[in-house]
């Protein structure tokens, strides 16, 4: 099984996922970055919640950091779907917060 594990910082009550680690599969990490690059390049022409989040992030950060942030977000989505064995729900994964 290919690993795309985000690092974890946990205590007794909180489980936090961190950056994409380099312990996992290098090819999978590369594919996540390439996929993020395509999504970031096209996000200005869309108005879904993920694209709006990326547009706001692009105003504050350099585009390379935005691509890595999206790859990290996608790695977290993949990790949760695979570890819990549940169907992927785009509405739940990219829920807009106020």
N, C-alpha and C. Protein backbone atom coordinates (compact mmCIF):
# COMPACT_ATOMS: atom_id res chain seq x y z
N UNK A 1 0.84 -1.18 0.00
CA UNK A 1 0.00 0.00 0.00
C UNK A 1 0.89 1.24 0.00
N UNK A 2 0.56 2.19 -0.83
CA UNK A 2 1.32 3.44 -0.91
C UNK A 2 0.98 4.31 0.29
N UNK A 3 2.00 4.96 0.84
CA UNK A 3 1.79 5.80 2.01
C UNK A 3 1.84 7.26 1.61
N UNK A 4 0.85 8.02 2.05
CA UNK A 4 0.86 9.47 1.91
C UNK A 4 0.45 10.04 3.25
N UNK A 5 1.15 9.62 4.28
CA UNK A 5 0.76 9.97 5.64
C UNK A 5 1.12 11.39 5.98
N UNK A 6 0.14 12.19 6.45
CA UNK A 6 0.52 13.45 7.06
C UNK A 6 1.09 13.16 8.45
N UNK A 7 2.02 13.98 8.89
CA UNK A 7 2.56 13.78 10.23
C UNK A 7 1.47 14.06 11.26
N UNK A 8 1.56 13.44 12.42
CA UNK A 8 0.54 13.60 13.44
C UNK A 8 1.13 14.16 14.72
N UNK A 9 0.40 15.07 15.31
CA UNK A 9 0.74 15.63 16.62
C UNK A 9 -0.47 15.36 17.50
N UNK A 10 -0.32 14.50 18.48
CA UNK A 10 -1.46 14.07 19.26
C UNK A 10 -1.19 14.19 20.75
N UNK A 11 -2.26 14.49 21.49
CA UNK A 11 -2.23 14.33 22.94
C UNK A 11 -3.46 13.51 23.30
N UNK A 12 -3.85 13.47 24.52
CA UNK A 12 -4.96 12.62 24.92
C UNK A 12 -6.30 12.99 24.32
N UNK A 13 -6.50 14.26 23.99
CA UNK A 13 -7.80 14.70 23.49
C UNK A 13 -7.78 15.19 22.06
N UNK A 14 -6.64 15.60 21.56
CA UNK A 14 -6.57 16.23 20.24
C UNK A 14 -5.67 15.42 19.32
N UNK A 15 -6.11 15.26 18.08
CA UNK A 15 -5.30 14.59 17.06
C UNK A 15 -5.16 15.56 15.91
N UNK A 16 -3.96 16.08 15.69
CA UNK A 16 -3.73 17.07 14.64
C UNK A 16 -2.84 16.47 13.56
N UNK A 17 -3.21 16.72 12.30
CA UNK A 17 -2.43 16.26 11.18
C UNK A 17 -1.55 17.40 10.69
N UNK A 18 -0.29 17.12 10.43
CA UNK A 18 0.66 18.15 10.03
C UNK A 18 1.00 18.08 8.56
N UNK A 19 2.25 18.40 8.24
CA UNK A 19 2.71 18.48 6.86
C UNK A 19 2.80 17.09 6.22
N UNK A 20 2.97 17.07 4.90
CA UNK A 20 3.20 15.83 4.19
C UNK A 20 4.62 15.38 4.54
N UNK A 21 4.75 14.18 5.06
CA UNK A 21 6.08 13.71 5.45
C UNK A 21 6.82 13.14 4.25
N UNK A 22 8.13 13.05 4.37
CA UNK A 22 8.94 12.47 3.30
C UNK A 22 9.19 10.99 3.54
N UNK A 23 8.55 10.41 4.54
CA UNK A 23 8.71 9.00 4.84
C UNK A 23 7.92 8.13 3.88
N UNK A 24 6.90 8.70 3.27
CA UNK A 24 6.01 7.92 2.43
C UNK A 24 6.52 7.74 1.01
N UNK A 25 5.60 7.47 0.13
CA UNK A 25 5.89 7.19 -1.26
C UNK A 25 6.21 8.48 -2.01
N UNK A 26 7.41 8.55 -2.57
CA UNK A 26 7.86 9.76 -3.27
C UNK A 26 7.02 10.00 -4.53
N UNK A 27 6.65 8.95 -5.23
CA UNK A 27 5.85 9.10 -6.44
C UNK A 27 4.46 9.64 -6.11
N UNK A 28 3.86 9.15 -5.05
CA UNK A 28 2.55 9.62 -4.65
C UNK A 28 2.61 11.10 -4.25
N UNK A 29 3.66 11.48 -3.53
CA UNK A 29 3.84 12.88 -3.15
C UNK A 29 3.98 13.75 -4.39
N UNK A 30 4.76 13.29 -5.36
CA UNK A 30 4.96 14.03 -6.60
C UNK A 30 3.64 14.18 -7.36
N UNK A 31 2.84 13.12 -7.41
CA UNK A 31 1.56 13.18 -8.11
C UNK A 31 0.58 14.13 -7.42
N UNK A 32 0.61 14.17 -6.09
CA UNK A 32 -0.24 15.12 -5.36
C UNK A 32 0.15 16.56 -5.70
N UNK A 33 1.45 16.83 -5.79
CA UNK A 33 1.91 18.18 -6.14
C UNK A 33 1.52 18.53 -7.57
N UNK A 34 1.68 17.60 -8.50
CA UNK A 34 1.30 17.87 -9.90
C UNK A 34 -0.20 18.09 -10.03
N UNK A 35 -0.98 17.29 -9.33
CA UNK A 35 -2.43 17.49 -9.35
C UNK A 35 -2.83 18.83 -8.76
N UNK A 36 -2.16 19.20 -7.67
CA UNK A 36 -2.45 20.50 -7.05
C UNK A 36 -2.08 21.64 -7.98
N UNK A 37 -1.00 21.48 -8.73
CA UNK A 37 -0.58 22.53 -9.66
C UNK A 37 -1.68 22.79 -10.71
N UNK A 38 -2.27 21.74 -11.23
CA UNK A 38 -3.33 21.89 -12.23
C UNK A 38 -4.55 22.58 -11.62
N UNK A 39 -4.95 22.15 -10.44
CA UNK A 39 -6.13 22.73 -9.79
C UNK A 39 -5.91 24.21 -9.49
N UNK A 40 -4.72 24.56 -8.99
CA UNK A 40 -4.42 25.96 -8.66
C UNK A 40 -4.41 26.82 -9.92
N UNK A 41 -3.91 26.27 -11.03
CA UNK A 41 -3.88 27.03 -12.28
C UNK A 41 -5.28 27.35 -12.80
N UNK A 42 -6.26 26.50 -12.51
CA UNK A 42 -7.62 26.68 -13.03
C UNK A 42 -8.60 27.23 -11.99
N UNK A 43 -8.18 27.48 -10.78
CA UNK A 43 -9.12 27.86 -9.72
C UNK A 43 -9.73 29.25 -9.95
N UNK A 44 -9.07 30.12 -10.69
CA UNK A 44 -9.61 31.47 -10.91
C UNK A 44 -10.86 31.46 -11.78
N UNK A 45 -11.07 30.40 -12.54
CA UNK A 45 -12.22 30.32 -13.45
C UNK A 45 -13.40 29.58 -12.84
N UNK A 46 -13.29 29.18 -11.57
CA UNK A 46 -14.34 28.40 -10.92
C UNK A 46 -14.83 29.10 -9.65
N UNK A 47 -16.00 28.68 -9.17
CA UNK A 47 -16.56 29.31 -7.98
C UNK A 47 -17.01 28.29 -6.92
N UNK A 48 -16.47 27.08 -6.98
CA UNK A 48 -16.80 26.11 -5.93
C UNK A 48 -16.00 26.45 -4.67
N UNK A 49 -16.31 25.80 -3.57
CA UNK A 49 -15.72 26.17 -2.28
C UNK A 49 -14.20 25.97 -2.26
N UNK A 50 -13.70 24.91 -2.87
CA UNK A 50 -12.26 24.67 -2.91
C UNK A 50 -11.56 25.76 -3.72
N UNK A 51 -12.12 26.13 -4.86
CA UNK A 51 -11.51 27.18 -5.69
C UNK A 51 -11.54 28.53 -4.99
N UNK A 52 -12.61 28.82 -4.28
CA UNK A 52 -12.68 30.09 -3.54
C UNK A 52 -11.63 30.12 -2.43
N UNK A 53 -11.42 28.98 -1.76
CA UNK A 53 -10.39 28.90 -0.72
C UNK A 53 -9.01 29.14 -1.34
N UNK A 54 -8.76 28.53 -2.50
CA UNK A 54 -7.48 28.71 -3.18
C UNK A 54 -7.27 30.14 -3.64
N UNK A 55 -8.33 30.78 -4.13
CA UNK A 55 -8.22 32.19 -4.57
C UNK A 55 -7.84 33.09 -3.40
N UNK A 56 -8.47 32.87 -2.25
CA UNK A 56 -8.13 33.68 -1.07
C UNK A 56 -6.70 33.41 -0.61
N UNK A 57 -6.29 32.16 -0.68
CA UNK A 57 -4.94 31.79 -0.28
C UNK A 57 -3.90 32.39 -1.22
N UNK A 58 -4.21 32.43 -2.52
CA UNK A 58 -3.29 32.99 -3.51
C UNK A 58 -3.06 34.48 -3.29
N UNK A 59 -4.04 35.16 -2.72
CA UNK A 59 -3.88 36.59 -2.45
C UNK A 59 -2.90 36.83 -1.31
N UNK A 60 -2.75 35.84 -0.40
CA UNK A 60 -1.90 36.01 0.77
C UNK A 60 -0.54 35.35 0.64
N UNK A 61 -0.44 34.28 -0.16
CA UNK A 61 0.79 33.47 -0.22
C UNK A 61 1.30 33.37 -1.65
N UNK A 62 2.55 32.99 -1.78
CA UNK A 62 3.13 32.72 -3.09
C UNK A 62 2.47 31.47 -3.67
N UNK A 63 2.36 31.43 -5.00
CA UNK A 63 1.63 30.35 -5.65
C UNK A 63 2.25 28.97 -5.37
N UNK A 64 3.55 28.89 -5.16
CA UNK A 64 4.18 27.60 -4.85
C UNK A 64 3.72 27.08 -3.49
N UNK A 65 3.58 27.97 -2.53
CA UNK A 65 3.08 27.56 -1.21
C UNK A 65 1.63 27.14 -1.29
N UNK A 66 0.85 27.78 -2.16
CA UNK A 66 -0.55 27.42 -2.35
C UNK A 66 -0.65 26.01 -2.92
N UNK A 67 0.22 25.70 -3.87
CA UNK A 67 0.21 24.35 -4.46
C UNK A 67 0.52 23.28 -3.42
N UNK A 68 1.50 23.55 -2.58
CA UNK A 68 1.85 22.58 -1.54
C UNK A 68 0.74 22.48 -0.50
N UNK A 69 0.09 23.60 -0.19
CA UNK A 69 -1.03 23.58 0.76
C UNK A 69 -2.17 22.73 0.23
N UNK A 70 -2.45 22.86 -1.07
CA UNK A 70 -3.51 22.04 -1.66
C UNK A 70 -3.11 20.57 -1.70
N UNK A 71 -1.85 20.29 -2.01
CA UNK A 71 -1.39 18.90 -2.00
C UNK A 71 -1.52 18.31 -0.60
N UNK A 72 -1.21 19.10 0.42
CA UNK A 72 -1.37 18.66 1.80
C UNK A 72 -2.83 18.38 2.11
N UNK A 73 -3.71 19.26 1.65
CA UNK A 73 -5.15 19.08 1.88
C UNK A 73 -5.63 17.81 1.18
N UNK A 74 -5.15 17.57 -0.04
CA UNK A 74 -5.55 16.36 -0.76
C UNK A 74 -5.00 15.12 -0.08
N UNK A 75 -3.78 15.19 0.46
CA UNK A 75 -3.21 14.05 1.18
C UNK A 75 -4.04 13.74 2.41
N UNK A 76 -4.49 14.77 3.11
CA UNK A 76 -5.34 14.55 4.27
C UNK A 76 -6.66 13.90 3.88
N UNK A 77 -7.25 14.36 2.75
CA UNK A 77 -8.50 13.77 2.28
C UNK A 77 -8.30 12.29 1.95
N UNK A 78 -7.22 11.97 1.24
CA UNK A 78 -6.93 10.59 0.88
C UNK A 78 -6.71 9.75 2.13
N UNK A 79 -5.96 10.29 3.09
CA UNK A 79 -5.66 9.58 4.32
C UNK A 79 -6.94 9.24 5.09
N UNK A 80 -7.85 10.21 5.20
CA UNK A 80 -9.09 9.98 5.95
C UNK A 80 -9.98 8.98 5.23
N UNK A 81 -10.12 9.13 3.91
CA UNK A 81 -10.97 8.21 3.16
C UNK A 81 -10.43 6.79 3.25
N UNK A 82 -9.12 6.63 3.11
CA UNK A 82 -8.54 5.28 3.13
C UNK A 82 -8.51 4.68 4.54
N UNK A 83 -8.25 5.50 5.55
CA UNK A 83 -8.17 4.96 6.90
C UNK A 83 -9.53 4.63 7.48
N UNK A 84 -10.55 5.39 7.11
CA UNK A 84 -11.90 5.12 7.62
C UNK A 84 -12.70 4.21 6.71
N UNK A 85 -12.23 4.03 5.46
CA UNK A 85 -12.92 3.15 4.53
C UNK A 85 -14.29 3.66 4.13
N UNK A 86 -14.42 4.96 3.97
CA UNK A 86 -15.72 5.53 3.62
C UNK A 86 -15.67 6.19 2.26
N UNK A 87 -16.83 6.48 1.72
CA UNK A 87 -16.94 7.14 0.42
C UNK A 87 -16.46 8.58 0.53
N UNK A 88 -15.89 9.10 -0.56
CA UNK A 88 -15.44 10.49 -0.60
C UNK A 88 -16.63 11.40 -0.84
N UNK A 89 -16.76 12.45 -0.02
CA UNK A 89 -17.84 13.42 -0.16
C UNK A 89 -17.22 14.81 -0.31
N UNK A 90 -17.29 15.37 -1.53
CA UNK A 90 -16.66 16.65 -1.81
C UNK A 90 -17.24 17.76 -0.94
N UNK A 91 -18.54 17.74 -0.69
CA UNK A 91 -19.17 18.76 0.14
C UNK A 91 -18.63 18.75 1.56
N UNK A 92 -18.41 17.57 2.09
CA UNK A 92 -17.88 17.46 3.45
C UNK A 92 -16.38 17.76 3.49
N UNK A 93 -15.65 17.37 2.45
CA UNK A 93 -14.21 17.57 2.42
C UNK A 93 -13.83 19.03 2.26
N UNK A 94 -14.62 19.79 1.51
CA UNK A 94 -14.29 21.19 1.21
C UNK A 94 -15.37 22.12 1.73
N UNK A 95 -15.81 21.86 2.94
CA UNK A 95 -16.86 22.66 3.55
C UNK A 95 -16.33 24.07 3.83
N UNK A 96 -17.11 25.07 3.47
CA UNK A 96 -16.72 26.45 3.72
C UNK A 96 -17.00 26.78 5.18
N UNK A 97 -16.03 27.44 5.81
CA UNK A 97 -16.22 27.89 7.18
C UNK A 97 -16.35 29.40 7.18
N UNK A 98 -17.12 29.90 8.10
CA UNK A 98 -17.38 31.35 8.15
C UNK A 98 -16.22 32.14 8.63
